């Protein structure tokens, strides 16, 4: 059994040596192995750096979450935080008016019924919000309310707001054309000149 394994190992080593030491294609094959090895080492380094960065970001996030909560410096900062979050909570953020005074938030304007609970939960969870005064007019449908007309800024999928993917879809044919050109060698011929 040991001699059979030795013979097979020797044959494999000989075939490998012939493959890489071939006078016509051996140099190319060795360069391909070298290039793939270097790429693998670079990919492993990139992966390790990304994992380290992610772990560091998570650690910073945990330490930030464990710190005692601090209210924003002023009502204007809290107002801006709420306005920046509105686009994620409602489909027509311009229809909601926000007023902040001493940590007390007053919401007025128009909102669709299925978005009300999400908005109230979001606003009341922000740091610095002491009380939420809900003065919103709730509507089941946009109806004739001008602020609720037009296409929503985002669409819902399974209860979550999804941004339109139109710009990404517009780039898809360009990406397909580039891949096809590269496979046909047209891209390399164009870059040589």
Protein backbone atom coordinates (compact mmCIF):
# COMPACT_ATOMS: atom_id res chain seq x y z
CA UNK A 1 0.00 0.00 0.00
CA UNK A 2 2.82 2.36 0.90
CA UNK A 3 4.57 1.77 -2.44
CA UNK A 4 1.36 2.42 -4.38
CA UNK A 5 0.94 5.76 -2.60
CA UNK A 6 4.59 6.58 -3.26
CA UNK A 7 4.22 5.79 -6.96
CA UNK A 8 1.05 7.87 -7.22
CA UNK A 9 2.69 10.75 -5.35
CA UNK A 10 5.75 10.62 -7.59
CA UNK A 11 3.58 10.55 -10.71
CA UNK A 12 1.59 13.54 -9.47
CA UNK A 13 4.79 15.46 -8.66
CA UNK A 14 6.19 14.64 -12.11
CA UNK A 15 2.98 15.75 -13.84
CA UNK A 16 2.97 18.96 -11.84
CA UNK A 17 6.61 19.62 -12.72
CA UNK A 18 5.91 18.99 -16.42
CA UNK A 19 2.90 21.30 -16.26
CA UNK A 20 4.85 24.20 -14.75
CA UNK A 21 8.21 23.62 -16.41
CA UNK A 22 6.86 23.21 -19.93
CA UNK A 23 9.12 25.27 -22.25
CA UNK A 24 6.22 26.81 -24.20
CA UNK A 25 3.48 27.44 -21.62
CA UNK A 26 5.25 26.89 -18.31
CA UNK A 27 6.20 30.52 -17.72
CA UNK A 28 2.61 31.67 -18.35
CA UNK A 29 1.25 29.02 -15.99
CA UNK A 30 3.71 29.97 -13.26
CA UNK A 31 2.77 33.65 -13.62
CA UNK A 32 -0.93 32.77 -13.40
CA UNK A 33 -0.33 30.84 -10.17
CA UNK A 34 1.73 33.72 -8.81
CA UNK A 35 -0.91 36.30 -9.74
CA UNK A 36 -3.70 34.23 -8.21
CA UNK A 37 -1.68 33.73 -5.04
CA UNK A 38 -0.98 37.45 -4.73
CA UNK A 39 -4.66 38.23 -5.35
CA UNK A 40 -5.66 35.68 -2.71
CA UNK A 41 -3.29 37.26 -0.18
CA UNK A 42 -4.66 40.74 -0.99
CA UNK A 43 -8.25 39.50 -0.69
CA UNK A 44 -7.46 37.91 2.66
CA UNK A 45 -5.91 41.17 3.84
CA UNK A 46 -8.93 43.18 2.65
CA UNK A 47 -11.25 40.72 4.39
CA UNK A 48 -9.27 40.92 7.64
CA UNK A 49 -9.21 44.75 7.51
CA UNK A 50 -12.96 44.89 6.85
CA UNK A 51 -13.72 42.50 9.72
CA UNK A 52 -11.45 44.47 12.05
CA UNK A 53 -13.06 47.75 11.02
CA UNK A 54 -16.53 46.28 11.50
CA UNK A 55 -15.63 44.93 14.93
CA UNK A 56 -14.24 48.34 15.90
CA UNK A 57 -17.37 50.09 14.65
CA UNK A 58 -19.56 47.71 16.62
CA UNK A 59 -17.48 48.26 19.74
CA UNK A 60 -17.76 52.04 19.33
CA UNK A 61 -21.51 51.68 18.81
CA UNK A 62 -21.84 49.57 21.95
CA UNK A 63 -19.86 52.00 24.05
CA UNK A 64 -21.92 54.88 22.68
CA UNK A 65 -25.18 53.04 23.46
CA UNK A 66 -24.03 52.32 27.02
CA UNK A 67 -23.23 55.95 27.75
CA UNK A 68 -25.87 57.86 29.66
CA UNK A 69 -28.25 59.47 27.22
CA UNK A 70 -27.72 63.13 26.65
CA UNK A 71 -30.35 65.44 25.30
CA UNK A 72 -29.49 67.44 22.21
CA UNK A 73 -27.94 70.83 22.89
CA UNK A 74 -31.06 72.69 21.86
CA UNK A 75 -34.52 72.39 20.39
CA UNK A 76 -33.28 73.22 16.91
CA UNK A 77 -30.97 70.17 16.91
CA UNK A 78 -33.83 67.95 18.07
CA UNK A 79 -36.08 69.43 15.37
CA UNK A 80 -33.50 68.64 12.68
CA UNK A 81 -33.10 65.08 13.96
CA UNK A 82 -36.84 64.52 13.77
CA UNK A 83 -37.08 66.03 10.28
CA UNK A 84 -34.24 63.81 9.06
CA UNK A 85 -36.04 60.69 10.33
CA UNK A 86 -39.43 61.58 8.81
CA UNK A 87 -38.49 60.29 5.36
CA UNK A 88 -38.01 56.80 6.78
CA UNK A 89 -41.28 56.76 8.67
CA UNK A 90 -43.80 58.34 6.30
CA UNK A 91 -44.30 58.41 2.55
CA UNK A 92 -45.10 62.17 2.43
CA UNK A 93 -42.72 63.82 4.95
CA UNK A 94 -43.58 67.31 3.73
CA UNK A 95 -47.15 66.86 5.02
CA UNK A 96 -45.95 66.58 8.64
CA UNK A 97 -45.06 69.76 10.54
CA UNK A 98 -42.76 69.55 13.55
CA UNK A 99 -42.42 72.04 16.39
CA UNK A 100 -40.08 71.54 19.35
CA UNK A 101 -40.02 73.51 22.57
CA UNK A 102 -38.06 72.40 25.66
CA UNK A 103 -38.02 68.76 24.53
CA UNK A 104 -41.77 68.73 23.89
CA UNK A 105 -42.55 67.78 20.28
CA UNK A 106 -45.77 68.87 18.57
CA UNK A 107 -46.66 67.05 15.35
CA UNK A 108 -49.30 68.57 13.09
CA UNK A 109 -50.35 68.25 9.48
CA UNK A 110 -51.64 65.23 7.57
CA UNK A 111 -50.65 61.58 7.70
CA UNK A 112 -51.93 58.26 6.38
CA UNK A 113 -53.41 55.94 9.01
CA UNK A 114 -51.00 53.06 8.42
CA UNK A 115 -47.99 55.34 9.07
CA UNK A 116 -49.12 57.00 12.31
CA UNK A 117 -47.94 54.38 14.83
CA UNK A 118 -44.54 54.06 13.17
CA UNK A 119 -44.04 57.85 13.23
CA UNK A 120 -45.06 58.23 16.87
CA UNK A 121 -42.80 55.35 17.93
CA UNK A 122 -39.87 56.81 16.01
CA UNK A 123 -40.25 60.33 17.39
CA UNK A 124 -40.77 59.23 20.99
CA UNK A 125 -37.68 56.97 20.83
CA UNK A 126 -35.31 59.82 19.93
CA UNK A 127 -32.99 61.13 22.64
CA UNK A 128 -34.11 64.42 24.06
CA UNK A 129 -37.82 63.94 23.36
CA UNK A 130 -39.72 64.38 26.61
CA UNK A 131 -43.29 64.38 25.33
CA UNK A 132 -45.04 64.01 21.96
CA UNK A 133 -48.18 66.06 21.29
CA UNK A 134 -50.00 64.39 18.40
CA UNK A 135 -52.09 66.96 16.49
CA UNK A 136 -51.94 65.08 13.18
CA UNK A 137 -54.99 64.67 10.98
CA UNK A 138 -55.20 60.96 10.13
CA UNK A 139 -56.52 59.86 6.73
CA UNK A 140 -57.16 56.33 5.44
CA UNK A 141 -56.52 57.43 1.85
CA UNK A 142 -54.88 60.50 0.29
CA UNK A 143 -58.29 61.65 -0.99
CA UNK A 144 -58.34 65.38 -1.80
CA UNK A 145 -55.58 66.36 0.65
CA UNK A 146 -52.96 68.26 -1.42
CA UNK A 147 -50.09 67.38 0.93
CA UNK A 148 -50.76 63.65 0.46
CA UNK A 149 -51.04 63.82 -3.34
CA UNK A 150 -48.42 62.74 -5.80
CA UNK A 151 -46.16 59.80 -5.83
CA UNK A 152 -44.78 58.90 -2.41
CA UNK A 153 -41.06 59.42 -1.99
CA UNK A 154 -40.67 55.78 -1.08
CA UNK A 155 -42.66 52.57 -1.41
CA UNK A 156 -43.44 50.03 1.26
CA UNK A 157 -42.43 46.39 1.08
CA UNK A 158 -43.45 44.21 4.02
CA UNK A 159 -44.03 47.30 6.16
CA UNK A 160 -40.61 48.81 5.45
CA UNK A 161 -39.93 51.82 3.30
CA UNK A 162 -38.02 50.96 0.15
CA UNK A 163 -36.39 53.64 -1.98
CA UNK A 164 -37.00 53.45 -5.73
CA UNK A 165 -34.27 51.50 -7.50
CA UNK A 166 -34.64 53.34 -10.80
CA UNK A 167 -31.05 54.70 -10.91
CA UNK A 168 -29.69 51.20 -10.32
CA UNK A 169 -31.94 49.73 -13.00
CA UNK A 170 -30.79 52.40 -15.45
CA UNK A 171 -27.15 51.34 -14.98
CA UNK A 172 -27.84 47.62 -15.51
CA UNK A 173 -27.67 47.71 -19.35
CA UNK A 174 -24.41 49.65 -19.16
CA UNK A 175 -22.90 47.05 -16.83
CA UNK A 176 -24.06 44.20 -19.08
CA UNK A 177 -22.56 45.92 -22.14
CA UNK A 178 -19.21 46.41 -20.35
CA UNK A 179 -19.06 42.77 -19.28
CA UNK A 180 -19.90 41.60 -22.81
CA UNK A 181 -17.29 43.93 -24.31
CA UNK A 182 -14.65 42.68 -21.90
CA UNK A 183 -15.41 39.05 -22.69
CA UNK A 184 -15.18 39.73 -26.43
CA UNK A 185 -11.91 41.59 -25.99
CA UNK A 186 -13.34 44.80 -27.45
CA UNK A 187 -12.63 46.72 -24.27
CA UNK A 188 -8.97 45.72 -24.30
CA UNK A 189 -8.61 46.70 -27.97
CA UNK A 190 -10.14 50.12 -27.20
CA UNK A 191 -7.84 50.79 -24.26
CA UNK A 192 -4.68 49.93 -26.23
CA UNK A 193 -5.15 52.77 -28.71
